[in-house]
Protein backbone atom coordinates (compact mmCIF):
# COMPACT_ATOMS: atom_id res chain seq x y z
CA MET A 1 146.89 -162.02 -51.17
CA ILE A 2 148.88 -159.65 -53.36
CA GLU A 3 148.46 -160.05 -57.11
CA GLY A 4 150.95 -159.12 -59.78
CA ARG A 5 151.15 -159.91 -63.49
CA ALA A 6 153.05 -163.20 -63.28
CA VAL A 7 153.21 -163.93 -59.53
CA ARG A 8 151.14 -163.56 -56.42
CA LEU A 9 152.19 -163.33 -52.79
CA ARG A 10 150.21 -165.27 -50.23
CA ALA A 11 150.49 -166.17 -46.56
CA LEU A 12 152.79 -169.02 -45.60
CA ARG A 13 151.09 -172.38 -45.02
CA ALA A 14 152.30 -175.40 -43.11
CA GLU A 15 152.40 -177.44 -46.32
CA ASP A 16 154.95 -175.03 -47.77
CA ALA A 17 157.54 -176.72 -45.57
CA GLU A 18 158.05 -179.44 -48.18
CA HIS A 19 159.08 -176.85 -50.76
CA HIS A 20 161.41 -175.09 -48.34
CA LEU A 21 163.01 -178.43 -47.46
CA ARG A 22 163.80 -179.06 -51.12
CA TRP A 23 165.02 -175.52 -51.74
CA ARG A 24 167.22 -175.44 -48.65
CA ASN A 25 168.84 -178.70 -49.69
CA ASP A 26 169.59 -177.51 -53.23
CA PRO A 27 173.31 -176.55 -53.20
CA GLU A 28 172.92 -173.86 -55.87
CA VAL A 29 169.99 -172.24 -54.06
CA VAL A 30 171.97 -172.25 -50.81
CA ARG A 31 174.98 -170.76 -52.59
CA LEU A 32 173.09 -167.89 -54.20
CA ALA A 33 170.44 -167.18 -51.57
CA ALA A 34 172.73 -167.31 -48.55
CA ALA A 35 176.29 -167.43 -49.89
CA GLY A 36 176.53 -170.97 -48.57
CA ASP A 37 175.53 -170.02 -45.00
CA PRO A 38 174.81 -173.35 -43.21
CA ARG A 39 172.07 -171.66 -41.19
CA PHE A 40 170.05 -171.53 -44.41
CA GLY A 41 170.78 -175.06 -45.53
CA PRO A 42 171.17 -177.92 -45.95
CA THR A 43 168.66 -178.84 -43.27
CA THR A 44 166.58 -181.76 -42.04
CA ALA A 45 162.81 -182.13 -42.10
CA GLU A 46 162.80 -182.17 -38.28
CA ALA A 47 164.75 -178.92 -37.99
CA LEU A 48 162.62 -177.26 -40.62
CA ALA A 49 159.39 -178.35 -38.88
CA ASP A 50 160.54 -176.59 -35.73
CA ARG A 51 161.45 -173.48 -37.72
CA PHE A 52 158.08 -173.45 -39.46
CA GLY A 53 156.27 -173.59 -36.15
CA ARG A 54 157.92 -170.30 -35.22
CA MET A 55 157.29 -168.82 -38.66
CA LEU A 56 153.56 -169.42 -38.44
CA ARG A 57 153.24 -167.66 -35.08
CA ILE A 58 155.08 -164.41 -35.78
CA ASP A 59 153.33 -161.08 -35.24
CA PRO A 60 152.81 -159.57 -38.72
CA ARG A 61 153.29 -156.09 -37.27
CA GLU A 62 156.94 -156.99 -36.73
CA ALA A 63 157.82 -159.52 -39.44
CA GLY A 64 156.32 -161.85 -41.98
CA VAL A 65 156.96 -164.28 -44.79
CA LEU A 66 154.91 -164.69 -47.92
CA THR A 67 155.05 -167.51 -50.42
CA VAL A 68 155.69 -166.50 -54.02
CA GLU A 69 153.36 -168.37 -56.37
CA GLU A 70 153.52 -168.45 -60.14
CA LYS A 71 150.03 -167.30 -61.14
CA ALA A 72 149.49 -169.41 -64.23
CA GLY A 73 149.80 -172.71 -62.41
CA GLY A 74 149.71 -171.78 -58.73
CA ARG A 75 153.12 -173.33 -58.15
CA PRO A 76 155.10 -172.11 -55.11
CA ILE A 77 158.45 -170.92 -56.44
CA GLY A 78 160.01 -169.00 -53.56
CA MET A 79 159.43 -166.57 -50.72
CA VAL A 80 159.67 -162.94 -49.74
CA ASP A 81 159.99 -161.70 -46.20
CA TYR A 82 160.13 -158.59 -44.07
CA ARG A 83 161.45 -158.17 -40.55
CA GLY A 84 162.74 -155.68 -38.04
CA VAL A 85 159.89 -153.23 -38.58
CA ASP A 86 160.86 -150.19 -36.52
CA PRO A 87 157.91 -147.78 -36.16
CA TYR A 88 160.12 -145.10 -34.61
CA GLU A 89 162.91 -145.07 -37.19
CA GLY A 90 160.53 -146.02 -39.99
CA VAL A 91 162.84 -148.77 -41.24
CA ALA A 92 162.36 -152.43 -42.15
CA GLU A 93 164.46 -155.13 -43.80
CA VAL A 94 163.23 -157.21 -46.71
CA GLY A 95 164.41 -160.37 -48.38
CA ILE A 96 163.66 -162.74 -51.23
CA PHE A 97 164.73 -165.97 -52.78
CA ILE A 98 163.39 -167.98 -55.71
CA GLY A 99 163.92 -171.64 -54.95
CA GLU A 100 162.78 -173.13 -58.26
CA GLN A 101 165.68 -172.84 -60.67
CA ASP A 102 163.37 -173.05 -63.71
CA TYR A 103 162.09 -169.61 -62.73
CA TRP A 104 165.46 -167.88 -62.42
CA SER A 105 166.35 -165.06 -64.81
CA HIS A 106 162.76 -164.54 -65.99
CA GLY A 107 161.79 -161.59 -63.78
CA TYR A 108 159.66 -163.50 -61.27
CA GLY A 109 161.81 -162.52 -58.30
CA THR A 110 162.00 -158.90 -59.38
CA GLU A 111 158.22 -158.70 -59.63
CA ALA A 112 157.73 -160.48 -56.30
CA LEU A 113 160.09 -158.14 -54.49
CA GLY A 114 158.42 -155.15 -56.14
CA LEU A 115 155.02 -156.32 -54.89
CA LEU A 116 156.39 -156.66 -51.37
CA VAL A 117 157.94 -153.20 -51.50
CA ASP A 118 154.66 -151.65 -52.67
CA HIS A 119 152.76 -153.50 -49.97
CA LEU A 120 155.07 -152.49 -47.13
CA PHE A 121 155.24 -148.82 -48.06
CA GLY A 122 151.45 -148.87 -48.33
CA MET A 123 150.85 -150.77 -45.07
CA PHE A 124 153.42 -149.19 -42.74
CA PRO A 125 154.54 -145.55 -42.25
CA LEU A 126 158.03 -146.55 -43.34
CA HIS A 127 160.71 -144.14 -44.46
CA ARG A 128 163.11 -146.73 -45.91
CA LEU A 129 163.56 -150.39 -46.76
CA GLU A 130 166.88 -152.20 -46.57
CA LEU A 131 168.30 -155.40 -47.97
CA ASP A 132 171.65 -156.93 -48.79
CA THR A 133 173.34 -159.55 -50.90
CA TRP A 134 176.87 -160.71 -51.60
CA SER A 135 179.06 -159.57 -54.47
CA GLY A 136 178.98 -162.96 -56.19
CA ASN A 137 175.23 -162.70 -56.77
CA THR A 138 175.16 -160.20 -59.62
CA ARG A 139 171.60 -161.13 -60.64
CA ALA A 140 170.32 -160.00 -57.26
CA ALA A 141 172.20 -156.71 -57.38
CA ARG A 142 170.80 -155.94 -60.83
CA ALA A 143 167.27 -156.78 -59.73
CA PHE A 144 167.51 -154.54 -56.68
CA ALA A 145 168.74 -151.67 -58.86
CA ARG A 146 165.83 -152.17 -61.29
CA LEU A 147 163.44 -151.62 -58.38
CA GLY A 148 165.16 -148.41 -57.34
CA PHE A 149 167.33 -149.71 -54.50
CA GLN A 150 170.65 -147.92 -54.30
CA GLU A 151 173.88 -149.50 -53.21
CA GLU A 152 174.76 -147.63 -50.03
CA GLY A 153 177.90 -149.43 -49.00
CA ARG A 154 179.73 -152.69 -48.74
CA ARG A 155 181.40 -154.71 -46.04
CA ARG A 156 184.61 -155.79 -47.67
CA ASP A 157 185.53 -159.49 -47.54
CA ALA A 158 182.63 -160.12 -45.13
CA VAL A 159 181.45 -163.28 -46.91
CA LEU A 160 183.45 -166.50 -47.02
CA LEU A 161 182.39 -169.09 -49.60
CA ALA A 162 184.42 -172.12 -50.63
CA GLY A 163 187.63 -170.52 -49.42
CA ALA A 164 187.10 -167.27 -51.32
CA ARG A 165 186.19 -163.87 -49.90
CA TYR A 166 183.36 -161.67 -51.21
CA ASP A 167 181.89 -158.33 -50.20
CA ARG A 168 178.53 -157.90 -48.50
CA LEU A 169 176.55 -155.31 -50.51
CA LEU A 170 174.11 -153.05 -48.69
CA PHE A 171 171.09 -151.52 -50.45
CA GLY A 172 168.41 -149.04 -49.44
CA LEU A 173 165.23 -147.56 -50.89
CA LEU A 174 163.60 -144.39 -49.51
CA ARG A 175 159.87 -143.73 -49.59
CA ARG A 176 160.31 -140.60 -51.74
CA GLU A 177 162.31 -142.63 -54.28
CA TRP A 178 159.61 -145.30 -54.35
CA GLU A 179 156.91 -142.67 -54.80
CA ALA A 180 158.82 -140.98 -57.62
CA ARG A 181 159.23 -144.29 -59.45
CA ARG A 182 155.52 -145.05 -59.15
CA ARG A 183 154.62 -141.64 -60.55
CA SER A 184 156.98 -142.07 -63.48
CA ALA A 185 155.94 -145.65 -64.26
CA PRO A 186 152.13 -145.85 -64.10
CA GLY A 187 152.15 -149.26 -65.78
CA ALA A 188 154.34 -150.85 -63.11
CA PRO A 189 152.76 -153.75 -61.12
CA GLU A 190 151.02 -152.65 -57.96
CA ALA A 191 149.93 -154.53 -54.88
CA THR A 192 146.20 -155.07 -55.18
CA GLY A 193 144.19 -156.18 -52.21
CA ALA A 194 145.79 -157.14 -48.93
CA THR A 195 147.70 -160.09 -47.66
CA ALA A 196 145.94 -162.81 -45.81
CA THR A 197 146.72 -162.86 -42.11
CA VAL A 198 150.49 -163.01 -42.09
CA GLY A 199 151.03 -164.89 -38.87
CA GLN A 200 154.50 -166.06 -39.73
CA SER A 201 158.15 -165.26 -39.34
CA SER A 202 160.50 -165.29 -42.25
CA GLY A 203 163.31 -167.71 -42.68
CA ALA A 204 165.49 -164.66 -42.30
CA PRO A 205 166.05 -164.85 -38.54
CA ASP A 206 167.62 -168.24 -39.12
CA ALA A 207 169.84 -166.99 -41.93
CA GLN A 208 170.72 -163.65 -40.35
CA GLY A 209 169.26 -161.64 -43.20
CA GLN A 210 170.95 -163.59 -45.96
CA LEU A 211 167.88 -164.97 -47.69
CA LEU A 212 167.54 -161.96 -49.85
CA SER A 213 169.82 -162.85 -52.66
CA GLU A 214 168.27 -164.70 -55.57
CA PRO A 215 165.58 -162.78 -57.38
CA THR A 216 165.22 -162.16 -61.13
């Protein structure tokens, strides 16, 4: 378990499926988290049960998903994930979404993603972390920038949503940038302790890396 000030990250549990079912059938969550990608949602309980079975068996050395809980009440409010850990290149992809709309725009997602970043750089010999979002999700882009991620490029008109075209924004964070930020901000939240056994996959393989769009 990874503790922050307002949120904690814990291993995925089978009972979390009911929250994911609700989140993935919320049109606004689907729009922001995945730019309307139908692979994210809406979905059925049967399809999600099959997906969760795969999530719970993933090798944590390669990928994982953690539930984001609000500390005060222990309420699950979203998820963070990592995947594609490449020990040779030293690269991994990360993602996040906050499914409970009451917790949007209050910094919960930013803190959760920051905890994941700290944990991954501490656990793996990684050189960089990557994530992306779409140009219509300005909250996500601002949150990534607050954590030190730099926009490294964009795939123009790569996202189609409701008949309109948007860019896919690509972000990266290098270990030396992360270390410099930690040295300059000693009061920033840190990952304390370790995760429970993370024997899960993220929802990301189903959404092709498009879960990582609704923090803050």
